[in-house]
Amino acid sequence: MEQFQIHTPYIQLNQLLKLLGWAESGAEANEMIEQGLVTVNGEIETRKRNKLYPGFVVTLDFNSIQIVQ
């Protein structure tokens, strides 16, 4: 599983999707989240600004990434 390093206590879900290139814009990231396409720690996540902390795993389609610090 790939890892994504953050240098802050957390990162918001919609920001992460943009930084990873999984979404081209904030609007696209929000739409994917609203549609229930993104899971956090195995659960569908619909909160666009959900705070992701080190150890969390985010999945979209067949892509998974673990947040690390």
PDB file of N, CA and C in Angstrom:
ATOM      1  N   MET A   1       0.840  -1.175   0.000  1.00  0.00           N
ATOM      2  CA  MET A   1       0.000   0.000   0.000  1.00  0.00           C
ATOM      3  C   MET A   1       0.889   1.244   0.000  1.00  0.00           C
ATOM      4  N   GLU A   2       0.508   2.197  -0.811  1.00  0.00           N
ATOM      5  CA  GLU A   2       1.267   3.447  -0.866  1.00  0.00           C
ATOM      6  C   GLU A   2       0.992   4.282   0.375  1.00  0.00           C
ATOM      7  N   GLN A   3       1.889   5.215   0.636  1.00  0.00           N
ATOM      8  CA  GLN A   3       1.739   6.092   1.784  1.00  0.00           C
ATOM      9  C   GLN A   3       1.788   7.538   1.325  1.00  0.00           C
ATOM     10  N   PHE A   4       1.108   8.395   2.053  1.00  0.00           N
ATOM     11  CA  PHE A   4       1.116   9.830   1.793  1.00  0.00           C
ATOM     12  C   PHE A   4       1.499  10.518   3.088  1.00  0.00           C
ATOM     13  N   GLN A   5       2.613  11.240   3.049  1.00  0.00           N
ATOM     14  CA  GLN A   5       3.123  11.876   4.260  1.00  0.00           C
ATOM     15  C   GLN A   5       2.544  13.277   4.405  1.00  0.00           C
ATOM     16  N   ILE A   6       2.078  13.575   5.618  1.00  0.00           N
ATOM     17  CA  ILE A   6       1.614  14.920   5.934  1.00  0.00           C
ATOM     18  C   ILE A   6       2.537  15.525   6.985  1.00  0.00           C
ATOM     19  N   HIS A   7       2.588  16.848   6.993  1.00  0.00           N
ATOM     20  CA  HIS A   7       3.454  17.553   7.944  1.00  0.00           C
ATOM     21  C   HIS A   7       2.627  18.398   8.904  1.00  0.00           C
ATOM     22  N   THR A   8       1.340  18.117   8.928  1.00  0.00           N
ATOM     23  CA  THR A   8       0.408  18.787   9.821  1.00  0.00           C
ATOM     24  C   THR A   8      -0.308  17.703  10.609  1.00  0.00           C
ATOM     25  N   PRO A   9      -1.061  18.058  11.654  1.00  0.00           N
ATOM     26  CA  PRO A   9      -1.743  17.021  12.433  1.00  0.00           C
ATOM     27  C   PRO A   9      -2.750  16.202  11.615  1.00  0.00           C
ATOM     28  N   TYR A  10      -3.371  16.828  10.604  1.00  0.00           N
ATOM     29  CA  TYR A  10      -4.362  16.135   9.778  1.00  0.00           C
ATOM     30  C   TYR A  10      -4.453  16.794   8.407  1.00  0.00           C
ATOM     31  N   ILE A  11      -5.183  16.144   7.491  1.00  0.00           N
ATOM     32  CA  ILE A  11      -5.483  16.710   6.178  1.00  0.00           C
ATOM     33  C   ILE A  11      -6.954  16.420   5.906  1.00  0.00           C
ATOM     34  N   GLN A  12      -7.618  17.338   5.229  1.00  0.00           N
ATOM     35  CA  GLN A  12      -9.025  17.134   4.912  1.00  0.00           C
ATOM     36  C   GLN A  12      -9.148  16.203   3.697  1.00  0.00           C
ATOM     37  N   LEU A  13     -10.206  15.414   3.693  1.00  0.00           N
ATOM     38  CA  LEU A  13     -10.398  14.407   2.652  1.00  0.00           C
ATOM     39  C   LEU A  13     -10.415  15.011   1.260  1.00  0.00           C
ATOM     40  N   ASN A  14     -11.176  16.071   1.043  1.00  0.00           N
ATOM     41  CA  ASN A  14     -11.242  16.643  -0.307  1.00  0.00           C
ATOM     42  C   ASN A  14      -9.885  17.208  -0.745  1.00  0.00           C
ATOM     43  N   GLN A  15      -9.109  17.740   0.176  1.00  0.00           N
ATOM     44  CA  GLN A  15      -7.771  18.236  -0.163  1.00  0.00           C
ATOM     45  C   GLN A  15      -6.853  17.080  -0.573  1.00  0.00           C
ATOM     46  N   LEU A  16      -6.959  15.968   0.148  1.00  0.00           N
ATOM     47  CA  LEU A  16      -6.131  14.806  -0.162  1.00  0.00           C
ATOM     48  C   LEU A  16      -6.406  14.300  -1.572  1.00  0.00           C
ATOM     49  N   LEU A  17      -7.680  14.199  -1.935  1.00  0.00           N
ATOM     50  CA  LEU A  17      -8.027  13.698  -3.269  1.00  0.00           C
ATOM     51  C   LEU A  17      -7.423  14.574  -4.363  1.00  0.00           C
ATOM     52  N   LYS A  18      -7.413  15.885  -4.157  1.00  0.00           N
ATOM     53  CA  LYS A  18      -6.802  16.794  -5.127  1.00  0.00           C
ATOM     54  C   LYS A  18      -5.285  16.619  -5.171  1.00  0.00           C
ATOM     55  N   LEU A  19      -4.645  16.558  -4.007  1.00  0.00           N
ATOM     56  CA  LEU A  19      -3.187  16.426  -3.961  1.00  0.00           C
ATOM     57  C   LEU A  19      -2.695  15.130  -4.595  1.00  0.00           C
ATOM     58  N   LEU A  20      -3.480  14.071  -4.435  1.00  0.00           N
ATOM     59  CA  LEU A  20      -3.107  12.778  -5.015  1.00  0.00           C
ATOM     60  C   LEU A  20      -3.342  12.727  -6.523  1.00  0.00           C
ATOM     61  N   GLY A  21      -4.112  13.688  -7.037  1.00  0.00           N
ATOM     62  CA  GLY A  21      -4.458  13.670  -8.453  1.00  0.00           C
ATOM     63  C   GLY A  21      -5.636  12.751  -8.748  1.00  0.00           C
ATOM     64  N   TRP A  22      -6.293  12.271  -7.706  1.00  0.00           N
ATOM     65  CA  TRP A  22      -7.470  11.419  -7.891  1.00  0.00           C
ATOM     66  C   TRP A  22      -8.656  12.262  -8.330  1.00  0.00           C
ATOM     67  N   ALA A  23      -8.611  13.562  -8.054  1.00  0.00           N
ATOM     68  CA  ALA A  23      -9.631  14.517  -8.491  1.00  0.00           C
ATOM     69  C   ALA A  23      -8.902  15.707  -9.096  1.00  0.00           C
ATOM     70  N   GLU A  24      -9.453  16.240 -10.179  1.00  0.00           N
ATOM     71  CA  GLU A  24      -8.801  17.373 -10.844  1.00  0.00           C
ATOM     72  C   GLU A  24      -9.123  18.699 -10.179  1.00  0.00           C
ATOM     73  N   SER A  25     -10.221  18.741  -9.433  1.00  0.00           N
ATOM     74  CA  SER A  25     -10.620  19.988  -8.782  1.00  0.00           C
ATOM     75  C   SER A  25     -11.303  19.677  -7.455  1.00  0.00           C
ATOM     76  N   GLY A  26     -11.487  20.726  -6.667  1.00  0.00           N
ATOM     77  CA  GLY A  26     -12.196  20.555  -5.411  1.00  0.00           C
ATOM     78  C   GLY A  26     -13.635  20.132  -5.641  1.00  0.00           C
ATOM     79  N   ALA A  27     -14.251  20.676  -6.688  1.00  0.00           N
ATOM     80  CA  ALA A  27     -15.634  20.316  -6.997  1.00  0.00           C
ATOM     81  C   ALA A  27     -15.742  18.838  -7.364  1.00  0.00           C
ATOM     82  N   GLU A  28     -14.782  18.344  -8.131  1.00  0.00           N
ATOM     83  CA  GLU A  28     -14.795  16.926  -8.504  1.00  0.00           C
ATOM     84  C   GLU A  28     -14.565  16.046  -7.267  1.00  0.00           C
ATOM     85  N   ALA A  29     -13.666  16.461  -6.400  1.00  0.00           N
ATOM     86  CA  ALA A  29     -13.411  15.709  -5.169  1.00  0.00           C
ATOM     87  C   ALA A  29     -14.679  15.654  -4.322  1.00  0.00           C
ATOM     88  N   ASN A  30     -15.345  16.795  -4.170  1.00  0.00           N
ATOM     89  CA  ASN A  30     -16.570  16.838  -3.376  1.00  0.00           C
ATOM     90  C   ASN A  30     -17.655  15.949  -3.982  1.00  0.00           C
ATOM     91  N   GLU A  31     -17.763  15.949  -5.293  1.00  0.00           N
ATOM     92  CA  GLU A  31     -18.761  15.116  -5.976  1.00  0.00           C
ATOM     93  C   GLU A  31     -18.498  13.625  -5.735  1.00  0.00           C
ATOM     94  N   MET A  32     -17.243  13.208  -5.836  1.00  0.00           N
ATOM     95  CA  MET A  32     -16.897  11.805  -5.605  1.00  0.00           C
ATOM     96  C   MET A  32     -17.245  11.398  -4.170  1.00  0.00           C
ATOM     97  N   ILE A  33     -16.970  12.301  -3.236  1.00  0.00           N
ATOM     98  CA  ILE A  33     -17.263  12.020  -1.829  1.00  0.00           C
ATOM     99  C   ILE A  33     -18.775  11.925  -1.619  1.00  0.00           C
ATOM    100  N   GLU A  34     -19.524  12.886  -2.180  1.00  0.00           N
ATOM    101  CA  GLU A  34     -20.986  12.888  -2.044  1.00  0.00           C
ATOM    102  C   GLU A  34     -21.615  11.625  -2.613  1.00  0.00           C
ATOM    103  N   GLN A  35     -21.038  11.104  -3.692  1.00  0.00           N
ATOM    104  CA  GLN A  35     -21.574   9.912  -4.347  1.00  0.00           C
ATOM    105  C   GLN A  35     -21.228   8.623  -3.602  1.00  0.00           C
ATOM    106  N   GLY A  36     -20.436   8.732  -2.547  1.00  0.00           N
ATOM    107  CA  GLY A  36     -20.092   7.555  -1.756  1.00  0.00           C
ATOM    108  C   GLY A  36     -19.036   6.676  -2.399  1.00  0.00           C
ATOM    109  N   LEU A  37     -18.181   7.279  -3.226  1.00  0.00           N
ATOM    110  CA  LEU A  37     -17.141   6.520  -3.921  1.00  0.00           C
ATOM    111  C   LEU A  37     -15.863   6.358  -3.118  1.00  0.00           C
ATOM    112  N   VAL A  38     -15.752   7.093  -2.010  1.00  0.00           N
ATOM    113  CA  VAL A  38     -14.524   7.110  -1.223  1.00  0.00           C
ATOM    114  C   VAL A  38     -14.769   6.431   0.122  1.00  0.00           C
ATOM    115  N   THR A  39     -13.837   5.582   0.524  1.00  0.00           N
ATOM    116  CA  THR A  39     -13.929   4.992   1.854  1.00  0.00           C
ATOM    117  C   THR A  39     -12.732   5.439   2.690  1.00  0.00           C
ATOM    118  N   VAL A  40     -12.972   5.569   3.977  1.00  0.00           N
ATOM    119  CA  VAL A  40     -11.926   5.885   4.951  1.00  0.00           C
ATOM    120  C   VAL A  40     -11.973   4.778   5.999  1.00  0.00           C
ATOM    121  N   ASN A  41     -10.872   4.082   6.129  1.00  0.00           N
ATOM    122  CA  ASN A  41     -10.777   2.967   7.071  1.00  0.00           C
ATOM    123  C   ASN A  41     -11.881   1.926   6.836  1.00  0.00           C
ATOM    124  N   GLY A  42     -12.202   1.704   5.550  1.00  0.00           N
ATOM    125  CA  GLY A  42     -13.162   0.670   5.189  1.00  0.00           C
ATOM    126  C   GLY A  42     -14.623   1.086   5.244  1.00  0.00           C
ATOM    127  N   GLU A  43     -14.904   2.323   5.618  1.00  0.00           N
ATOM    128  CA  GLU A  43     -16.275   2.818   5.712  1.00  0.00           C
ATOM    129  C   GLU A  43     -16.501   3.921   4.678  1.00  0.00           C
ATOM    130  N   ILE A  44     -17.659   3.894   4.007  1.00  0.00           N
ATOM    131  CA  ILE A  44     -17.980   4.962   3.055  1.00  0.00           C
ATOM    132  C   ILE A  44     -18.004   6.284   3.806  1.00  0.00           C
ATOM    133  N   GLU A  45     -17.333   7.277   3.248  1.00  0.00           N
ATOM    134  CA  GLU A  45     -17.226   8.589   3.897  1.00  0.00           C
ATOM    135  C   GLU A  45     -17.897   9.636   3.011  1.00  0.00           C
ATOM    136  N   THR A  46     -18.851  10.374   3.580  1.00  0.00           N
ATOM    137  CA  THR A  46     -19.552  11.410   2.812  1.00  0.00           C
ATOM    138  C   THR A  46     -19.265  12.813   3.337  1.00  0.00           C
ATOM    139  N   ARG A  47     -18.406  12.926   4.326  1.00  0.00           N
ATOM    140  CA  ARG A  47     -18.031  14.252   4.836  1.00  0.00           C
ATOM    141  C   ARG A  47     -16.837  14.764   4.036  1.00  0.00           C
ATOM    142  N   LYS A  48     -17.045  15.826   3.288  1.00  0.00           N
ATOM    143  CA  LYS A  48     -16.014  16.352   2.391  1.00  0.00           C
ATOM    144  C   LYS A  48     -14.761  16.808   3.145  1.00  0.00           C
ATOM    145  N   ARG A  49     -14.958  17.410   4.282  1.00  0.00           N
ATOM    146  CA  ARG A  49     -13.828  17.961   5.049  1.00  0.00           C
ATOM    147  C   ARG A  49     -13.448  17.072   6.227  1.00  0.00           C
ATOM    148  N   ASN A  50     -13.752  15.784   6.101  1.00  0.00           N
ATOM    149  CA  ASN A  50     -13.384  14.850   7.157  1.00  0.00           C
ATOM    150  C   ASN A  50     -11.884  14.954   7.411  1.00  0.00           C
ATOM    151  N   LYS A  51     -11.498  15.029   8.665  1.00  0.00           N
ATOM    152  CA  LYS A  51     -10.086  15.143   9.028  1.00  0.00           C
ATOM    153  C   LYS A  51      -9.453  13.758   9.023  1.00  0.00           C
ATOM    154  N   LEU A  52      -8.387  13.628   8.261  1.00  0.00           N
ATOM    155  CA  LEU A  52      -7.661  12.371   8.151  1.00  0.00           C
ATOM    156  C   LEU A  52      -6.360  12.488   8.931  1.00  0.00           C
ATOM    157  N   TYR A  53      -6.139  11.546   9.826  1.00  0.00           N
ATOM    158  CA  TYR A  53      -4.957  11.552  10.687  1.00  0.00           C
ATOM    159  C   TYR A  53      -4.018  10.415  10.295  1.00  0.00           C
ATOM    160  N   PRO A  54      -2.749  10.489  10.702  1.00  0.00           N
ATOM    161  CA  PRO A  54      -1.828   9.391  10.406  1.00  0.00           C
ATOM    162  C   PRO A  54      -2.410   8.049  10.839  1.00  0.00           C
ATOM    163  N   GLY A  55      -2.258   7.064   9.965  1.00  0.00           N
ATOM    164  CA  GLY A  55      -2.798   5.734  10.208  1.00  0.00           C
ATOM    165  C   GLY A  55      -4.090   5.470   9.451  1.00  0.00           C
ATOM    166  N   PHE A  56      -4.785   6.533   9.029  1.00  0.00           N
ATOM    167  CA  PHE A  56      -6.021   6.359   8.274  1.00  0.00           C
ATOM    168  C   PHE A  56      -5.699   5.828   6.882  1.00  0.00           C
ATOM    169  N   VAL A  57      -6.608   5.021   6.336  1.00  0.00           N
ATOM    170  CA  VAL A  57      -6.469   4.478   4.986  1.00  0.00           C
ATOM    171  C   VAL A  57      -7.636   4.978   4.149  1.00  0.00           C
ATOM    172  N   VAL A  58      -7.320   5.581   3.003  1.00  0.00           N
ATOM    173  CA  VAL A  58      -8.328   6.124   2.084  1.00  0.00           C
ATOM    174  C   VAL A  58      -8.309   5.294   0.812  1.00  0.00           C
ATOM    175  N   THR A  59      -9.495   4.928   0.333  1.00  0.00           N
ATOM    176  CA  THR A  59      -9.601   4.111  -0.877  1.00  0.00           C
ATOM    177  C   THR A  59     -10.600   4.734  -1.840  1.00  0.00           C
ATOM    178  N   LEU A  60     -10.216   4.738  -3.124  1.00  0.00           N
ATOM    179  CA  LEU A  60     -11.083   5.159  -4.222  1.00  0.00           C
ATOM    180  C   LEU A  60     -10.842   4.185  -5.349  1.00  0.00           C
ATOM    181  N   ASP A  61     -11.887   3.507  -5.784  1.00  0.00           N
ATOM    182  CA  ASP A  61     -11.763   2.457  -6.797  1.00  0.00           C
ATOM    183  C   ASP A  61     -10.746   1.425  -6.315  1.00  0.00           C
ATOM    184  N   PHE A  62      -9.671   1.252  -7.075  1.00  0.00           N
ATOM    185  CA  PHE A  62      -8.656   0.256  -6.703  1.00  0.00           C
ATOM    186  C   PHE A  62      -7.425   0.910  -6.101  1.00  0.00           C
ATOM    187  N   ASN A  63      -7.507   2.213  -5.819  1.00  0.00           N
ATOM    188  CA  ASN A  63      -6.383   2.945  -5.242  1.00  0.00           C
ATOM    189  C   ASN A  63      -6.570   3.071  -3.738  1.00  0.00           C
ATOM    190  N   SER A  64      -5.547   2.719  -2.982  1.00  0.00           N
ATOM    191  CA  SER A  64      -5.562   2.882  -1.527  1.00  0.00           C
ATOM    192  C   SER A  64      -4.291   3.584  -1.099  1.00  0.00           C
ATOM    193  N   ILE A  65      -4.433   4.431  -0.096  1.00  0.00           N
ATOM    194  CA  ILE A  65      -3.279   5.150   0.416  1.00  0.00           C
ATOM    195  C   ILE A  65      -3.411   5.269   1.930  1.00  0.00           C
ATOM    196  N   GLN A  66      -2.291   5.158   2.609  1.00  0.00           N
ATOM    197  CA  GLN A  66      -2.267   5.307   4.064  1.00  0.00           C
ATOM    198  C   GLN A  66      -1.619   6.646   4.401  1.00  0.00           C
ATOM    199  N   ILE A  67      -2.239   7.361   5.327  1.00  0.00           N
ATOM    200  CA  ILE A  67      -1.698   8.645   5.769  1.00  0.00           C
ATOM    201  C   ILE A  67      -0.611   8.359   6.808  1.00  0.00           C
ATOM    202  N   VAL A  68       0.552   8.993   6.630  1.00  0.00           N
ATOM    203  CA  VAL A  68       1.651   8.856   7.590  1.00  0.00           C
ATOM    204  C   VAL A  68       2.171  10.256   7.921  1.00  0.00           C
ATOM    205  N   GLN A  69       2.886  10.341   9.030  1.00  0.00           N
ATOM    206  CA  GLN A  69       3.463  11.629   9.414  1.00  0.00           C
ATOM    207  C   GLN A  69       4.948  11.555   9.470  1.00  0.00           C
TER     208      GLN A  69
END
